[in-house]
């Protein structure tokens, strides 16, 4: 069976969707899965053995470009897709599988997609509270119960890839390191304060542990502030890796302290001990998909608000989360540091 998956735009959602891919492969090991995705997530798809090929989705958020979508869909007809699964809920995202002639086109109703999808599902948010469950449900017949446990995302990262990257970045391979992921694309209400990250870095440095700041070029300024306040405890690596190399860097760390971000999901998917810090968002919807991930949240009455900035102006949900509490959550015996 030839399958086309139309993927989400966010890095974290893309990682979460690997559970769906694994479920598809469990149900049909001979399935050939192609994945339509924005260019910034394609390197991650190369680390998912379930994916035959990643296909660039060139259309930005809000861009209709109907003629161009029709052209791309017709180009994809050579894939002879038996089944397409559309993960985003937008009307536009269902166009390409329709133009591509996929025989069965599955997705949630979303933006009134009657006709574009011929296997239209109604989302029961109570029955499927987590994103991973919603994605996985699309791999099953309508109304079928989910397995008691879903396969977890597992990105490939080899020791050779990790060592090559450490050498390129000039990092000592033998010294234990904890990675920090201080960014969050959604907005500042999901970011633990820079001063807290810096204080935690100083505590780790006192134990002889290196701290790597990992993120995209957009995280560089935040990471620079942390590094400057850390008294030399941090190495700012934000912007020095692509997303696949960031996965290798996180895999080479002994543990990862992270905001609720795409890299949080990457860290969980490469098997690192993850300490995830939640403020304005909810770990009930998109938790790190790892059995041993630790989630730290204060559970204030105003949280989660799901806002990009604190609507009350005090940002207590993360300001009041002390570095000492996060430090105490690190299992130093387990990470050998």
C-alpha atoms as a PDB file:
ATOM      1  CA  UNK A   1       0.000   0.000   0.000  1.00  0.00           C
ATOM      2  CA  UNK A   2       1.258   3.487  -0.887  1.00  0.00           C
ATOM      3  CA  UNK A   3       0.464   6.067   1.781  1.00  0.00           C
ATOM      4  CA  UNK A   4       0.823   9.852   1.770  1.00  0.00           C
ATOM      5  CA  UNK A   5       0.909  11.671   5.105  1.00  0.00           C
ATOM      6  CA  UNK A   6       0.320  15.425   5.090  1.00  0.00           C
ATOM      7  CA  UNK A   7       2.220  16.534   8.149  1.00  0.00           C
ATOM      8  CA  UNK A   8       2.014  19.476  10.544  1.00  0.00           C
ATOM      9  CA  UNK A   9       4.211  22.567  10.488  1.00  0.00           C
ATOM     10  CA  UNK A  10       5.599  22.419  14.038  1.00  0.00           C
ATOM     11  CA  UNK A  11       8.705  20.377  14.846  1.00  0.00           C
ATOM     12  CA  UNK A  12       7.195  18.866  17.984  1.00  0.00           C
ATOM     13  CA  UNK A  13       4.002  17.826  16.218  1.00  0.00           C
ATOM     14  CA  UNK A  14       6.091  16.185  13.494  1.00  0.00           C
ATOM     15  CA  UNK A  15       7.955  14.122  16.096  1.00  0.00           C
ATOM     16  CA  UNK A  16       4.665  13.156  17.753  1.00  0.00           C
ATOM     17  CA  UNK A  17       3.346  11.971  14.390  1.00  0.00           C
ATOM     18  CA  UNK A  18       5.977   9.219  14.287  1.00  0.00           C
ATOM     19  CA  UNK A  19       3.690   7.207  16.560  1.00  0.00           C
ATOM     20  CA  UNK A  20       1.140   7.255  13.736  1.00  0.00           C
ATOM     21  CA  UNK A  21       3.799   6.116  11.243  1.00  0.00           C
ATOM     22  CA  UNK A  22       4.843   3.253  13.506  1.00  0.00           C
ATOM     23  CA  UNK A  23       1.222   2.193  13.887  1.00  0.00           C
ATOM     24  CA  UNK A  24       0.748   2.206  10.110  1.00  0.00           C
ATOM     25  CA  UNK A  25       3.811  -0.002   9.722  1.00  0.00           C
ATOM     26  CA  UNK A  26       2.624  -2.363  12.450  1.00  0.00           C
ATOM     27  CA  UNK A  27      -0.664  -2.790  10.619  1.00  0.00           C
ATOM     28  CA  UNK A  28       0.981  -3.228   7.207  1.00  0.00           C
ATOM     29  CA  UNK A  29       4.758  -3.823   7.269  1.00  0.00           C
ATOM     30  CA  UNK A  30       4.911  -3.526   3.475  1.00  0.00           C
ATOM     31  CA  UNK A  31       3.351  -0.043   3.459  1.00  0.00           C
ATOM     32  CA  UNK A  32       5.367   2.624   1.651  1.00  0.00           C
ATOM     33  CA  UNK A  33       4.942   5.947   3.440  1.00  0.00           C
ATOM     34  CA  UNK A  34       5.730   9.319   1.882  1.00  0.00           C
ATOM     35  CA  UNK A  35       5.467  12.406   4.069  1.00  0.00           C
ATOM     36  CA  UNK A  36       4.586  15.906   2.833  1.00  0.00           C
ATOM     37  CA  UNK A  37       6.142  18.433   5.205  1.00  0.00           C
ATOM     38  CA  UNK A  38       7.640  21.928   5.384  1.00  0.00           C
ATOM     39  CA  UNK A  39      11.351  22.074   4.569  1.00  0.00           C
ATOM     40  CA  UNK A  40      12.485  22.701   8.153  1.00  0.00           C
ATOM     41  CA  UNK A  41      11.149  19.330   9.328  1.00  0.00           C
ATOM     42  CA  UNK A  42      12.496  17.206   6.452  1.00  0.00           C
ATOM     43  CA  UNK A  43      15.824  16.425   8.202  1.00  0.00           C
ATOM     44  CA  UNK A  44      13.822  14.847  11.039  1.00  0.00           C
ATOM     45  CA  UNK A  45      11.911  12.658   8.601  1.00  0.00           C
ATOM     46  CA  UNK A  46      15.251  11.300   7.385  1.00  0.00           C
ATOM     47  CA  UNK A  47      15.719   9.990  10.944  1.00  0.00           C
ATOM     48  CA  UNK A  48      12.413   8.086  10.841  1.00  0.00           C
ATOM     49  CA  UNK A  49      12.902   4.657   9.236  1.00  0.00           C
ATOM     50  CA  UNK A  50       9.166   4.394   8.577  1.00  0.00           C
ATOM     51  CA  UNK A  51       9.339   7.178   5.954  1.00  0.00           C
ATOM     52  CA  UNK A  52      10.264   6.255   2.389  1.00  0.00           C
ATOM     53  CA  UNK A  53      10.697   9.858   1.288  1.00  0.00           C
ATOM     54  CA  UNK A  54      10.040  13.328   2.584  1.00  0.00           C
ATOM     55  CA  UNK A  55       8.378  15.694   0.121  1.00  0.00           C
ATOM     56  CA  UNK A  56       8.692  19.452   0.530  1.00  0.00           C
ATOM     57  CA  UNK A  57       5.453  21.267   1.252  1.00  0.00           C
ATOM     58  CA  UNK A  58       6.370  24.780   0.064  1.00  0.00           C
ATOM     59  CA  UNK A  59       3.188  26.537   1.179  1.00  0.00           C
ATOM     60  CA  UNK A  60       3.410  28.873   4.141  1.00  0.00           C
ATOM     61  CA  UNK A  61       0.765  29.365   6.793  1.00  0.00           C
ATOM     62  CA  UNK A  62      -2.295  31.074   5.343  1.00  0.00           C
ATOM     63  CA  UNK A  63      -1.136  30.823   1.713  1.00  0.00           C
ATOM     64  CA  UNK A  64      -3.824  29.345  -0.557  1.00  0.00           C
ATOM     65  CA  UNK A  65      -1.959  29.342  -3.899  1.00  0.00           C
ATOM     66  CA  UNK A  66      -4.584  27.086  -5.395  1.00  0.00           C
ATOM     67  CA  UNK A  67      -2.916  26.692  -8.796  1.00  0.00           C
ATOM     68  CA  UNK A  68       0.417  25.759  -7.214  1.00  0.00           C
ATOM     69  CA  UNK A  69      -1.257  23.250  -4.895  1.00  0.00           C
ATOM     70  CA  UNK A  70      -3.024  21.714  -7.874  1.00  0.00           C
ATOM     71  CA  UNK A  71       0.284  21.486  -9.734  1.00  0.00           C
ATOM     72  CA  UNK A  72       2.044  19.767  -6.816  1.00  0.00           C
ATOM     73  CA  UNK A  73      -0.873  17.399  -6.303  1.00  0.00           C
ATOM     74  CA  UNK A  74      -0.794  16.357  -9.943  1.00  0.00           C
ATOM     75  CA  UNK A  75       2.958  15.802  -9.742  1.00  0.00           C
ATOM     76  CA  UNK A  76       2.313  13.425  -6.842  1.00  0.00           C
ATOM     77  CA  UNK A  77      -0.083  11.288  -8.869  1.00  0.00           C
ATOM     78  CA  UNK A  78       2.882   9.119  -9.851  1.00  0.00           C
ATOM     79  CA  UNK A  79       2.884   7.918  -6.237  1.00  0.00           C
ATOM     80  CA  UNK A  80      -0.405   6.097  -6.908  1.00  0.00           C
ATOM     81  CA  UNK A  81      -1.447   6.625  -3.298  1.00  0.00           C
ATOM     82  CA  UNK A  82      -3.991   4.209  -1.915  1.00  0.00           C
ATOM     83  CA  UNK A  83      -4.417   6.219   1.264  1.00  0.00           C
ATOM     84  CA  UNK A  84      -3.688   9.779   2.390  1.00  0.00           C
ATOM     85  CA  UNK A  85      -3.801  10.925   5.999  1.00  0.00           C
ATOM     86  CA  UNK A  86      -4.176  14.665   6.560  1.00  0.00           C
ATOM     87  CA  UNK A  87      -2.986  15.647  10.035  1.00  0.00           C
ATOM     88  CA  UNK A  88      -3.652  19.425   9.990  1.00  0.00           C
ATOM     89  CA  UNK A  89      -7.288  20.484  10.237  1.00  0.00           C
ATOM     90  CA  UNK A  90      -7.172  23.249   7.635  1.00  0.00           C
ATOM     91  CA  UNK A  91      -9.173  23.127   4.402  1.00  0.00           C
ATOM     92  CA  UNK A  92      -6.045  23.925   2.387  1.00  0.00           C
ATOM     93  CA  UNK A  93      -4.110  20.950   3.757  1.00  0.00           C
ATOM     94  CA  UNK A  94      -6.639  18.534   2.233  1.00  0.00           C
ATOM     95  CA  UNK A  95      -6.276  19.909  -1.296  1.00  0.00           C
ATOM     96  CA  UNK A  96      -3.038  18.204  -2.348  1.00  0.00           C
ATOM     97  CA  UNK A  97      -4.164  14.611  -1.584  1.00  0.00           C
ATOM     98  CA  UNK A  98      -7.363  15.347  -3.502  1.00  0.00           C
ATOM     99  CA  UNK A  99      -5.439  16.706  -6.485  1.00  0.00           C
ATOM    100  CA  UNK A 100      -3.045  13.742  -6.193  1.00  0.00           C
ATOM    101  CA  UNK A 101      -5.930  11.323  -6.634  1.00  0.00           C
ATOM    102  CA  UNK A 102      -5.390   9.420  -3.385  1.00  0.00           C
ATOM    103  CA  UNK A 103      -8.156   6.828  -3.251  1.00  0.00           C
ATOM    104  CA  UNK A 104      -8.913   7.143   0.475  1.00  0.00           C
ATOM    105  CA  UNK A 105      -8.357  10.499   2.146  1.00  0.00           C
ATOM    106  CA  UNK A 106      -8.622  10.446   5.931  1.00  0.00           C
ATOM    107  CA  UNK A 107      -8.719  13.334   8.367  1.00  0.00           C
ATOM    108  CA  UNK A 108     -10.786  15.085  10.981  1.00  0.00           C
ATOM    109  CA  UNK A 109     -13.621  17.306   9.784  1.00  0.00           C
ATOM    110  CA  UNK A 110     -11.738  20.484  10.662  1.00  0.00           C
ATOM    111  CA  UNK A 111     -12.609  23.351   8.334  1.00  0.00           C
ATOM    112  CA  UNK A 112     -15.622  21.776   6.582  1.00  0.00           C
ATOM    113  CA  UNK A 113     -13.608  19.481   4.337  1.00  0.00           C
ATOM    114  CA  UNK A 114     -16.516  17.486   2.912  1.00  0.00           C
ATOM    115  CA  UNK A 115     -15.616  16.231  -0.551  1.00  0.00           C
ATOM    116  CA  UNK A 116     -11.891  16.779  -0.175  1.00  0.00           C
ATOM    117  CA  UNK A 117     -11.814  13.968   2.395  1.00  0.00           C
ATOM    118  CA  UNK A 118     -13.843  10.825   1.791  1.00  0.00           C
ATOM    119  CA  UNK A 119     -12.994   9.261   5.173  1.00  0.00           C
ATOM    120  CA  UNK A 120     -14.072  12.175   7.328  1.00  0.00           C
ATOM    121  CA  UNK A 121     -13.788  11.740  11.092  1.00  0.00           C
ATOM    122  CA  UNK A 122     -15.448  13.699  13.888  1.00  0.00           C
ATOM    123  CA  UNK A 123     -12.974  14.422  16.678  1.00  0.00           C
ATOM    124  CA  UNK A 124     -14.099  13.405  20.156  1.00  0.00           C
ATOM    125  CA  UNK A 125     -11.802  15.541  22.292  1.00  0.00           C
ATOM    126  CA  UNK A 126     -12.881  13.797  25.486  1.00  0.00           C
ATOM    127  CA  UNK A 127     -12.025  10.344  24.145  1.00  0.00           C
ATOM    128  CA  UNK A 128      -8.794  11.556  22.521  1.00  0.00           C
ATOM    129  CA  UNK A 129      -7.358  14.231  24.838  1.00  0.00           C
ATOM    130  CA  UNK A 130      -3.774  13.980  23.553  1.00  0.00           C
ATOM    131  CA  UNK A 131      -2.408  14.937  20.171  1.00  0.00           C
ATOM    132  CA  UNK A 132      -0.627  11.599  19.780  1.00  0.00           C
ATOM    133  CA  UNK A 133      -3.955   9.800  20.247  1.00  0.00           C
ATOM    134  CA  UNK A 134      -5.648  11.985  17.655  1.00  0.00           C
ATOM    135  CA  UNK A 135      -2.937  11.318  15.096  1.00  0.00           C
ATOM    136  CA  UNK A 136      -2.891   7.584  15.849  1.00  0.00           C
ATOM    137  CA  UNK A 137      -6.676   7.305  15.516  1.00  0.00           C
ATOM    138  CA  UNK A 138      -6.373   8.280  11.858  1.00  0.00           C
ATOM    139  CA  UNK A 139      -4.334   5.118  11.207  1.00  0.00           C
ATOM    140  CA  UNK A 140      -7.240   2.943  12.370  1.00  0.00           C
ATOM    141  CA  UNK A 141     -10.704   2.328  10.939  1.00  0.00           C
ATOM    142  CA  UNK A 142     -13.284   4.866  12.069  1.00  0.00           C
ATOM    143  CA  UNK A 143     -14.492   4.076  15.580  1.00  0.00           C
ATOM    144  CA  UNK A 144     -11.771   1.506  16.291  1.00  0.00           C
ATOM    145  CA  UNK A 145     -10.282   1.545  19.779  1.00  0.00           C
ATOM    146  CA  UNK A 146      -6.689   2.641  20.163  1.00  0.00           C
ATOM    147  CA  UNK A 147      -4.163   0.097  21.429  1.00  0.00           C
ATOM    148  CA  UNK A 148      -3.613   0.187  25.180  1.00  0.00           C
ATOM    149  CA  UNK A 149      -0.143   1.590  24.537  1.00  0.00           C
ATOM    150  CA  UNK A 150       0.966   3.481  21.452  1.00  0.00           C
ATOM    151  CA  UNK A 151       4.419   3.102  19.903  1.00  0.00           C
ATOM    152  CA  UNK A 152       6.657   5.961  20.990  1.00  0.00           C
ATOM    153  CA  UNK A 153       8.610   8.201  18.606  1.00  0.00           C
ATOM    154  CA  UNK A 154      12.190   7.049  18.169  1.00  0.00           C
ATOM    155  CA  UNK A 155      14.499   9.166  16.021  1.00  0.00           C
ATOM    156  CA  UNK A 156      17.649   7.522  14.719  1.00  0.00           C
ATOM    157  CA  UNK A 157      20.953   8.945  15.973  1.00  0.00           C
ATOM    158  CA  UNK A 158      24.116   6.875  15.797  1.00  0.00           C
ATOM    159  CA  UNK A 159      27.217   7.140  17.951  1.00  0.00           C
ATOM    160  CA  UNK A 160      29.198   7.994  14.813  1.00  0.00           C
ATOM    161  CA  UNK A 161      26.868  10.895  13.985  1.00  0.00           C
ATOM    162  CA  UNK A 162      27.123  12.182  17.533  1.00  0.00           C
ATOM    163  CA  UNK A 163      30.920  11.945  17.682  1.00  0.00           C
ATOM    164  CA  UNK A 164      31.307  13.640  14.304  1.00  0.00           C
ATOM    165  CA  UNK A 165      29.129  16.527  15.457  1.00  0.00           C
ATOM    166  CA  UNK A 166      30.932  16.906  18.793  1.00  0.00           C
ATOM    167  CA  UNK A 167      34.234  17.070  16.923  1.00  0.00           C
ATOM    168  CA  UNK A 168      32.915  19.731  14.532  1.00  0.00           C
ATOM    169  CA  UNK A 169      31.637  21.833  17.435  1.00  0.00           C
ATOM    170  CA  UNK A 170      34.834  21.381  19.452  1.00  0.00           C
ATOM    171  CA  UNK A 171      33.075  19.677  22.367  1.00  0.00           C
ATOM    172  CA  UNK A 172      34.881  17.231  24.641  1.00  0.00           C
ATOM    173  CA  UNK A 173      33.222  13.822  24.128  1.00  0.00           C
ATOM    174  CA  UNK A 174      34.156  12.426  27.540  1.00  0.00           C
ATOM    175  CA  UNK A 175      32.910  15.216  29.800  1.00  0.00           C
ATOM    176  CA  UNK A 176      29.333  14.757  31.046  1.00  0.00           C
ATOM    177  CA  UNK A 177      27.011  17.420  29.689  1.00  0.00           C
ATOM    178  CA  UNK A 178      23.430  18.486  30.257  1.00  0.00           C
ATOM    179  CA  UNK A 179      21.655  20.176  27.355  1.00  0.00           C
ATOM    180  CA  UNK A 180      19.342  23.138  27.856  1.00  0.00           C
ATOM    181  CA  UNK A 181      16.669  23.985  25.272  1.00  0.00           C
ATOM    182  CA  UNK A 182      15.806  27.563  26.291  1.00  0.00           C
ATOM    183  CA  UNK A 183      13.686  28.521  23.292  1.00  0.00           C
ATOM    184  CA  UNK A 184      10.011  28.088  22.464  1.00  0.00           C
ATOM    185  CA  UNK A 185       8.714  29.223  19.089  1.00  0.00           C
ATOM    186  CA  UNK A 186       5.187  29.820  20.382  1.00  0.00           C
ATOM    187  CA  UNK A 187       6.106  32.730  22.619  1.00  0.00           C
ATOM    188  CA  UNK A 188       7.712  33.967  25.853  1.00  0.00           C
ATOM    189  CA  UNK A 189       4.973  32.526  28.090  1.00  0.00           C
ATOM    190  CA  UNK A 190       6.464  29.071  27.427  1.00  0.00           C
ATOM    191  CA  UNK A 191      10.050  30.074  28.254  1.00  0.00           C
ATOM    192  CA  UNK A 192      11.626  29.590  31.679  1.00  0.00           C
ATOM    193  CA  UNK A 193      13.452  32.833  32.575  1.00  0.00           C
ATOM    194  CA  UNK A 194      17.004  33.251  31.310  1.00  0.00           C
ATOM    195  CA  UNK A 195      18.225  34.022  34.837  1.00  0.00           C
ATOM    196  CA  UNK A 196      16.862  30.672  36.052  1.00  0.00           C
ATOM    197  CA  UNK A 197      18.618  28.771  33.267  1.00  0.00           C
ATOM    198  CA  UNK A 198      21.852  30.598  34.123  1.00  0.00           C
ATOM    199  CA  UNK A 199      21.511  29.796  37.836  1.00  0.00           C
ATOM    200  CA  UNK A 200      20.923  26.121  37.040  1.00  0.00           C
ATOM    201  CA  UNK A 201      23.978  26.123  34.777  1.00  0.00           C
ATOM    202  CA  UNK A 202      26.125  27.449  37.619  1.00  0.00           C
ATOM    203  CA  UNK A 203      24.856  24.698  39.928  1.00  0.00           C
ATOM    204  CA  UNK A 204      25.717  22.067  37.318  1.00  0.00           C
ATOM    205  CA  UNK A 205      29.139  23.571  36.644  1.00  0.00           C
ATOM    206  CA  UNK A 206      29.923  23.257  40.354  1.00  0.00           C
ATOM    207  CA  UNK A 207      29.511  19.494  39.888  1.00  0.00           C
ATOM    208  CA  UNK A 208      31.835  19.475  36.884  1.00  0.00           C
ATOM    209  CA  UNK A 209      29.046  19.151  34.326  1.00  0.00           C
ATOM    210  CA  UNK A 210      29.157  21.017  31.018  1.00  0.00           C
ATOM    211  CA  UNK A 211      26.036  22.805  29.813  1.00  0.00           C
ATOM    212  CA  UNK A 212      25.133  23.026  26.125  1.00  0.00           C
ATOM    213  CA  UNK A 213      22.537  25.551  24.962  1.00  0.00           C
ATOM    214  CA  UNK A 214      20.731  23.992  22.001  1.00  0.00           C
ATOM    215  CA  UNK A 215      18.320  25.695  19.640  1.00  0.00           C
ATOM    216  CA  UNK A 216      17.726  27.443  16.353  1.00  0.00           C
ATOM    217  CA  UNK A 217      19.224  30.769  15.204  1.00  0.00           C
ATOM    218  CA  UNK A 218      16.126  32.471  16.630  1.00  0.00           C
ATOM    219  CA  UNK A 219      17.104  31.200  20.086  1.00  0.00           C
ATOM    220  CA  UNK A 220      20.627  32.608  19.875  1.00  0.00           C
ATOM    221  CA  UNK A 221      19.877  35.932  21.610  1.00  0.00           C
ATOM    222  CA  UNK A 222      18.124  34.241  24.548  1.00  0.00           C
ATOM    223  CA  UNK A 223      20.975  31.743  24.822  1.00  0.00           C
ATOM    224  CA  UNK A 224      23.546  34.541  24.683  1.00  0.00           C
ATOM    225  CA  UNK A 225      21.877  36.182  27.684  1.00  0.00           C
ATOM    226  CA  UNK A 226      21.959  32.876  29.578  1.00  0.00           C
ATOM    227  CA  UNK A 227      25.595  32.245  28.715  1.00  0.00           C
ATOM    228  CA  UNK A 228      26.601  35.758  29.791  1.00  0.00           C
ATOM    229  CA  UNK A 229      24.911  35.314  33.171  1.00  0.00           C
ATOM    230  CA  UNK A 230      26.262  31.817  33.777  1.00  0.00           C
ATOM    231  CA  UNK A 231      29.845  32.799  34.676  1.00  0.00           C
ATOM    232  CA  UNK A 232      31.232  30.704  31.851  1.00  0.00           C
ATOM    233  CA  UNK A 233      29.173  27.597  32.653  1.00  0.00           C
ATOM    234  CA  UNK A 234      27.372  27.464  29.282  1.00  0.00           C
ATOM    235  CA  UNK A 235      28.362  26.914  25.669  1.00  0.00           C
ATOM    236  CA  UNK A 236      25.965  28.661  23.289  1.00  0.00           C
ATOM    237  CA  UNK A 237      25.325  26.286  20.371  1.00  0.00           C
ATOM    238  CA  UNK A 238      22.041  27.804  19.217  1.00  0.00           C
ATOM    239  CA  UNK A 239      22.051  28.202  15.453  1.00  0.00           C
ATOM    240  CA  UNK A 240      25.093  25.979  14.950  1.00  0.00           C
ATOM    241  CA  UNK A 241      23.117  22.852  14.019  1.00  0.00           C
ATOM    242  CA  UNK A 242      20.240  21.926  11.785  1.00  0.00           C
ATOM    243  CA  UNK A 243      17.348  20.078  13.378  1.00  0.00           C
ATOM    244  CA  UNK A 244      18.815  16.608  12.704  1.00  0.00           C
ATOM    245  CA  UNK A 245      22.171  17.648  14.162  1.00  0.00           C
ATOM    246  CA  UNK A 246      20.318  19.077  17.155  1.00  0.00           C
ATOM    247  CA  UNK A 247      18.890  15.590  17.645  1.00  0.00           C
ATOM    248  CA  UNK A 248      22.438  14.178  17.623  1.00  0.00           C
ATOM    249  CA  UNK A 249      23.582  16.823  20.107  1.00  0.00           C
ATOM    250  CA  UNK A 250      20.711  16.067  22.472  1.00  0.00           C
ATOM    251  CA  UNK A 251      21.384  12.337  22.121  1.00  0.00           C
ATOM    252  CA  UNK A 252      25.001  12.942  23.173  1.00  0.00           C
ATOM    253  CA  UNK A 253      23.960  14.790  26.354  1.00  0.00           C
ATOM    254  CA  UNK A 254      23.410  12.945  29.632  1.00  0.00           C
ATOM    255  CA  UNK A 255      20.107  14.752  30.288  1.00  0.00           C
ATOM    256  CA  UNK A 256      18.012  17.573  28.826  1.00  0.00           C
ATOM    257  CA  UNK A 257      16.281  20.455  30.614  1.00  0.00           C
ATOM    258  CA  UNK A 258      13.781  22.043  28.287  1.00  0.00           C
ATOM    259  CA  UNK A 259      10.822  24.312  27.868  1.00  0.00           C
ATOM    260  CA  UNK A 260       7.699  22.910  26.235  1.00  0.00           C
ATOM    261  CA  UNK A 261       9.095  23.127  22.708  1.00  0.00           C
ATOM    262  CA  UNK A 262       9.816  21.137  19.597  1.00  0.00           C
ATOM    263  CA  UNK A 263      13.233  20.194  20.919  1.00  0.00           C
ATOM    264  CA  UNK A 264      11.594  18.752  24.032  1.00  0.00           C
ATOM    265  CA  UNK A 265       9.932  16.174  21.787  1.00  0.00           C
ATOM    266  CA  UNK A 266      13.175  15.598  19.875  1.00  0.00           C
ATOM    267  CA  UNK A 267      15.042  14.955  23.144  1.00  0.00           C
ATOM    268  CA  UNK A 268      12.419  12.445  24.266  1.00  0.00           C
ATOM    269  CA  UNK A 269      12.570  10.709  20.880  1.00  0.00           C
ATOM    270  CA  UNK A 270      16.347  10.175  21.103  1.00  0.00           C
ATOM    271  CA  UNK A 271      15.975   8.540  24.499  1.00  0.00           C
ATOM    272  CA  UNK A 272      17.439  11.196  26.775  1.00  0.00           C
ATOM    273  CA  UNK A 273      16.255  11.756  30.355  1.00  0.00           C
ATOM    274  CA  UNK A 274      14.056  14.818  29.890  1.00  0.00           C
ATOM    275  CA  UNK A 275      13.030  17.388  32.475  1.00  0.00           C
ATOM    276  CA  UNK A 276      10.245  19.412  30.867  1.00  0.00           C
ATOM    277  CA  UNK A 277       9.176  22.769  32.305  1.00  0.00           C
ATOM    278  CA  UNK A 278       5.558  23.790  31.727  1.00  0.00           C
ATOM    279  CA  UNK A 279       3.999  27.167  32.416  1.00  0.00           C
ATOM    280  CA  UNK A 280       1.337  28.529  30.081  1.00  0.00           C
ATOM    281  CA  UNK A 281       0.808  25.219  28.279  1.00  0.00           C
ATOM    282  CA  UNK A 282      -0.539  21.848  29.364  1.00  0.00           C
ATOM    283  CA  UNK A 283       1.360  18.562  29.647  1.00  0.00           C
ATOM    284  CA  UNK A 284      -1.996  16.815  29.239  1.00  0.00           C
ATOM    285  CA  UNK A 285      -2.148  17.607  25.495  1.00  0.00           C
ATOM    286  CA  UNK A 286       1.429  17.323  24.239  1.00  0.00           C
ATOM    287  CA  UNK A 287       3.646  15.750  26.920  1.00  0.00           C
ATOM    288  CA  UNK A 288       7.117  14.449  26.064  1.00  0.00           C
ATOM    289  CA  UNK A 289       6.529  10.923  24.787  1.00  0.00           C
ATOM    290  CA  UNK A 290       8.994   9.032  26.931  1.00  0.00           C
ATOM    291  CA  UNK A 291       8.180   6.735  29.817  1.00  0.00           C
ATOM    292  CA  UNK A 292      10.704   8.337  32.160  1.00  0.00           C
ATOM    293  CA  UNK A 293      10.266  12.017  31.269  1.00  0.00           C
ATOM    294  CA  UNK A 294       9.836  14.306  34.265  1.00  0.00           C
ATOM    295  CA  UNK A 295       7.333  17.135  34.021  1.00  0.00           C
ATOM    296  CA  UNK A 296       7.652  20.080  36.391  1.00  0.00           C
ATOM    297  CA  UNK A 297       4.785  22.532  36.611  1.00  0.00           C
ATOM    298  CA  UNK A 298       3.495  24.681  39.460  1.00  0.00           C
ATOM    299  CA  UNK A 299      -0.161  24.069  38.621  1.00  0.00           C
ATOM    300  CA  UNK A 300      -1.304  27.617  39.341  1.00  0.00           C
ATOM    301  CA  UNK A 301      -4.991  28.484  39.014  1.00  0.00           C
ATOM    302  CA  UNK A 302      -4.236  30.664  35.999  1.00  0.00           C
ATOM    303  CA  UNK A 303      -2.283  27.916  34.251  1.00  0.00           C
ATOM    304  CA  UNK A 304      -2.531  26.696  31.575  1.00  0.00           C
ATOM    305  CA  UNK A 305      -3.703  29.813  29.768  1.00  0.00           C
ATOM    306  CA  UNK A 306      -2.248  28.872  26.350  1.00  0.00           C
ATOM    307  CA  UNK A 307      -1.344  32.518  25.722  1.00  0.00           C
ATOM    308  CA  UNK A 308       1.860  33.662  24.026  1.00  0.00           C
ATOM    309  CA  UNK A 309       2.485  36.246  26.750  1.00  0.00           C
ATOM    310  CA  UNK A 310       1.230  36.283  30.333  1.00  0.00           C
ATOM    311  CA  UNK A 311      -2.234  37.919  30.317  1.00  0.00           C
ATOM    312  CA  UNK A 312      -1.849  38.825  34.014  1.00  0.00           C
ATOM    313  CA  UNK A 313       1.593  40.338  33.617  1.00  0.00           C
ATOM    314  CA  UNK A 314       3.287  38.414  36.445  1.00  0.00           C
ATOM    315  CA  UNK A 315       4.399  35.224  34.643  1.00  0.00           C
ATOM    316  CA  UNK A 316       4.428  33.385  37.970  1.00  0.00           C
ATOM    317  CA  UNK A 317       3.906  29.974  36.353  1.00  0.00           C
ATOM    318  CA  UNK A 318       7.583  29.946  35.349  1.00  0.00           C
ATOM    319  CA  UNK A 319       9.083  32.844  37.331  1.00  0.00           C
ATOM    320  CA  UNK A 320       8.255  31.010  40.572  1.00  0.00           C
ATOM    321  CA  UNK A 321       9.736  27.719  39.373  1.00  0.00           C
ATOM    322  CA  UNK A 322      13.071  27.838  41.197  1.00  0.00           C
ATOM    323  CA  UNK A 323      16.334  26.591  39.647  1.00  0.00           C
ATOM    324  CA  UNK A 324      16.995  24.610  42.823  1.00  0.00           C
ATOM    325  CA  UNK A 325      13.835  22.579  42.265  1.00  0.00           C
ATOM    326  CA  UNK A 326      14.927  21.667  38.741  1.00  0.00           C
ATOM    327  CA  UNK A 327      18.440  20.848  39.961  1.00  0.00           C
ATOM    328  CA  UNK A 328      16.976  18.500  42.575  1.00  0.00           C
ATOM    329  CA  UNK A 329      15.017  16.677  39.867  1.00  0.00           C
ATOM    330  CA  UNK A 330      18.157  15.622  37.976  1.00  0.00           C
ATOM    331  CA  UNK A 331      19.094  12.008  38.645  1.00  0.00           C
ATOM    332  CA  UNK A 332      22.873  12.393  38.830  1.00  0.00           C
ATOM    333  CA  UNK A 333      23.431   8.723  39.631  1.00  0.00           C
ATOM    334  CA  UNK A 334      21.595   7.715  36.491  1.00  0.00           C
ATOM    335  CA  UNK A 335      23.447  10.113  34.217  1.00  0.00           C
ATOM    336  CA  UNK A 336      26.819   9.283  35.736  1.00  0.00           C
ATOM    337  CA  UNK A 337      27.668  12.788  36.820  1.00  0.00           C
END
